[in-house]
């Protein structure tokens, strides 16, 4: 079981989740009763209704389920992708895949999660798994 974030002001599951991200940690919930993973954080398990949910660190590996490209002018930051990613733990989340051109993101592509901090706020982003394997020592 992962340790709950240390931010004292974190009240409620959404705040606890964001506090962990702000500390650079990605956590999801796992139901003690039915053993299923839960994401986005909730007070009750959507599978069995239990309130016994632990915080756990996922492997972070997943597969792109769907993606789209958001078009922007270059002076506004250029195009970027929005992707739905199925984590190996069985939950789906919306994010984006960095390190590849927006049109280079493919359905079925394996990715790895990471937490990126921007102005003190953490967010979950993904990188192509093949690119990470090529750069590993």
Protein backbone atom coordinates (compact mmCIF):
# COMPACT_ATOMS: atom_id res chain seq x y z
CA UNK A 1 0.00 0.00 0.00
CA UNK A 2 1.33 3.45 -0.92
CA UNK A 3 1.69 6.08 1.75
CA UNK A 4 -0.91 8.85 1.71
CA UNK A 5 0.42 12.28 0.71
CA UNK A 6 1.88 14.42 3.45
CA UNK A 7 0.00 17.59 2.50
CA UNK A 8 -1.96 18.37 5.68
CA UNK A 9 -4.62 20.37 3.85
CA UNK A 10 -5.62 17.41 1.65
CA UNK A 11 -9.27 16.68 2.45
CA UNK A 12 -11.30 14.25 0.36
CA UNK A 13 -10.11 11.82 -2.26
CA UNK A 14 -9.69 14.40 -5.02
CA UNK A 15 -7.48 16.57 -2.81
CA UNK A 16 -5.47 13.55 -1.61
CA UNK A 17 -4.91 12.48 -5.23
CA UNK A 18 -3.79 15.97 -6.29
CA UNK A 19 -1.51 16.30 -3.25
CA UNK A 20 0.24 13.06 -4.25
CA UNK A 21 0.67 14.35 -7.83
CA UNK A 22 2.05 17.62 -6.45
CA UNK A 23 4.61 15.50 -4.56
CA UNK A 24 5.54 13.77 -7.84
CA UNK A 25 3.68 10.53 -7.08
CA UNK A 26 0.96 8.90 -9.20
CA UNK A 27 -1.50 6.91 -7.09
CA UNK A 28 -4.71 5.08 -7.92
CA UNK A 29 -7.13 3.34 -5.59
CA UNK A 30 -7.59 -0.39 -5.02
CA UNK A 31 -10.70 -1.77 -3.36
CA UNK A 32 -9.95 -3.90 -0.30
CA UNK A 33 -13.26 -5.75 -0.70
CA UNK A 34 -13.29 -6.73 -4.41
CA UNK A 35 -9.58 -6.11 -5.26
CA UNK A 36 -10.40 -4.00 -8.34
CA UNK A 37 -8.52 -0.82 -9.13
CA UNK A 38 -10.36 2.50 -9.27
CA UNK A 39 -9.53 5.71 -11.13
CA UNK A 40 -10.51 8.67 -11.00
CA UNK A 41 -10.50 8.68 -7.18
CA UNK A 42 -13.84 8.07 -5.49
CA UNK A 43 -15.27 7.73 -2.01
CA UNK A 44 -16.94 4.38 -2.86
CA UNK A 45 -15.84 1.51 -5.08
CA UNK A 46 -17.89 1.69 -8.32
CA UNK A 47 -17.66 -2.11 -8.64
CA UNK A 48 -18.99 -3.25 -5.25
CA UNK A 49 -19.90 -0.11 -3.29
CA UNK A 50 -17.28 -0.61 -0.56
CA UNK A 51 -15.74 2.41 1.17
CA UNK A 52 -12.53 0.44 1.87
CA UNK A 53 -10.22 1.88 -0.79
CA UNK A 54 -6.42 1.90 -0.44
CA UNK A 55 -4.00 4.14 -2.34
CA UNK A 56 -1.50 2.19 -4.47
CA UNK A 57 1.21 3.09 -6.95
CA UNK A 58 0.36 1.62 -10.37
CA UNK A 59 3.01 0.20 -12.70
CA UNK A 60 2.23 3.19 -14.92
CA UNK A 61 2.33 1.06 -18.04
CA UNK A 62 -0.63 1.10 -20.35
CA UNK A 63 -2.01 1.04 -23.86
CA UNK A 64 -3.46 3.90 -25.90
CA UNK A 65 -7.17 3.14 -26.28
CA UNK A 66 -8.10 6.23 -28.32
CA UNK A 67 -6.55 9.52 -29.33
CA UNK A 68 -7.30 12.77 -31.09
CA UNK A 69 -5.21 15.72 -32.17
CA UNK A 70 -6.08 19.19 -30.95
CA UNK A 71 -5.12 21.74 -33.58
CA UNK A 72 -3.58 25.04 -32.50
CA UNK A 73 -1.65 27.72 -34.31
CA UNK A 74 2.13 27.45 -33.84
CA UNK A 75 2.23 30.72 -31.89
CA UNK A 76 -0.31 29.20 -29.44
CA UNK A 77 1.93 26.18 -28.80
CA UNK A 78 1.11 24.04 -31.82
CA UNK A 79 -0.85 20.81 -32.07
CA UNK A 80 -1.03 18.30 -29.24
CA UNK A 81 -2.72 14.96 -28.65
CA UNK A 82 -5.37 13.97 -26.13
CA UNK A 83 -5.30 10.25 -25.42
CA UNK A 84 -7.35 7.73 -23.47
CA UNK A 85 -4.94 5.25 -21.90
CA UNK A 86 -5.86 1.89 -20.37
CA UNK A 87 -3.46 1.16 -17.53
CA UNK A 88 -2.41 -2.46 -17.04
CA UNK A 89 -4.29 -2.32 -13.72
CA UNK A 90 -7.57 -2.04 -15.64
CA UNK A 91 -8.45 1.65 -15.31
CA UNK A 92 -8.69 4.23 -18.10
CA UNK A 93 -7.57 7.83 -17.92
CA UNK A 94 -7.35 10.85 -20.19
CA UNK A 95 -3.97 12.48 -20.67
CA UNK A 96 -1.50 13.05 -23.47
CA UNK A 97 1.52 11.22 -24.86
CA UNK A 98 4.66 13.37 -24.94
CA UNK A 99 7.88 12.74 -26.82
CA UNK A 100 6.17 11.99 -30.12
CA UNK A 101 4.42 14.13 -32.72
CA UNK A 102 0.64 14.30 -32.14
CA UNK A 103 -0.05 12.24 -35.26
CA UNK A 104 2.59 9.72 -34.14
CA UNK A 105 0.43 8.50 -31.27
CA UNK A 106 -1.27 5.26 -32.31
CA UNK A 107 -4.11 3.22 -30.88
CA UNK A 108 -2.61 0.12 -29.27
CA UNK A 109 0.72 1.86 -28.57
CA UNK A 110 2.35 0.93 -25.25
CA UNK A 111 3.11 3.89 -22.97
CA UNK A 112 4.56 4.64 -19.53
CA UNK A 113 3.13 7.21 -17.09
CA UNK A 114 5.14 9.89 -15.37
CA UNK A 115 4.25 12.87 -13.22
CA UNK A 116 5.18 16.28 -14.53
CA UNK A 117 5.15 19.32 -12.27
CA UNK A 118 4.10 22.65 -13.73
CA UNK A 119 3.96 25.66 -11.43
CA UNK A 120 3.87 23.32 -8.42
CA UNK A 121 0.93 21.24 -9.72
CA UNK A 122 1.42 17.63 -10.76
CA UNK A 123 -0.20 16.00 -13.77
CA UNK A 124 0.04 12.52 -15.28
CA UNK A 125 1.57 12.39 -18.75
CA UNK A 126 2.72 9.43 -20.84
CA UNK A 127 5.73 8.61 -23.01
CA UNK A 128 5.99 5.87 -25.63
CA UNK A 129 7.36 2.74 -23.98
CA UNK A 130 9.62 1.86 -26.94
CA UNK A 131 11.35 5.24 -26.68
CA UNK A 132 12.01 4.68 -22.97
CA UNK A 133 13.39 1.17 -23.60
CA UNK A 134 15.83 2.51 -26.23
CA UNK A 135 17.23 5.09 -23.81
CA UNK A 136 17.61 2.66 -20.87
CA UNK A 137 21.25 1.73 -20.01
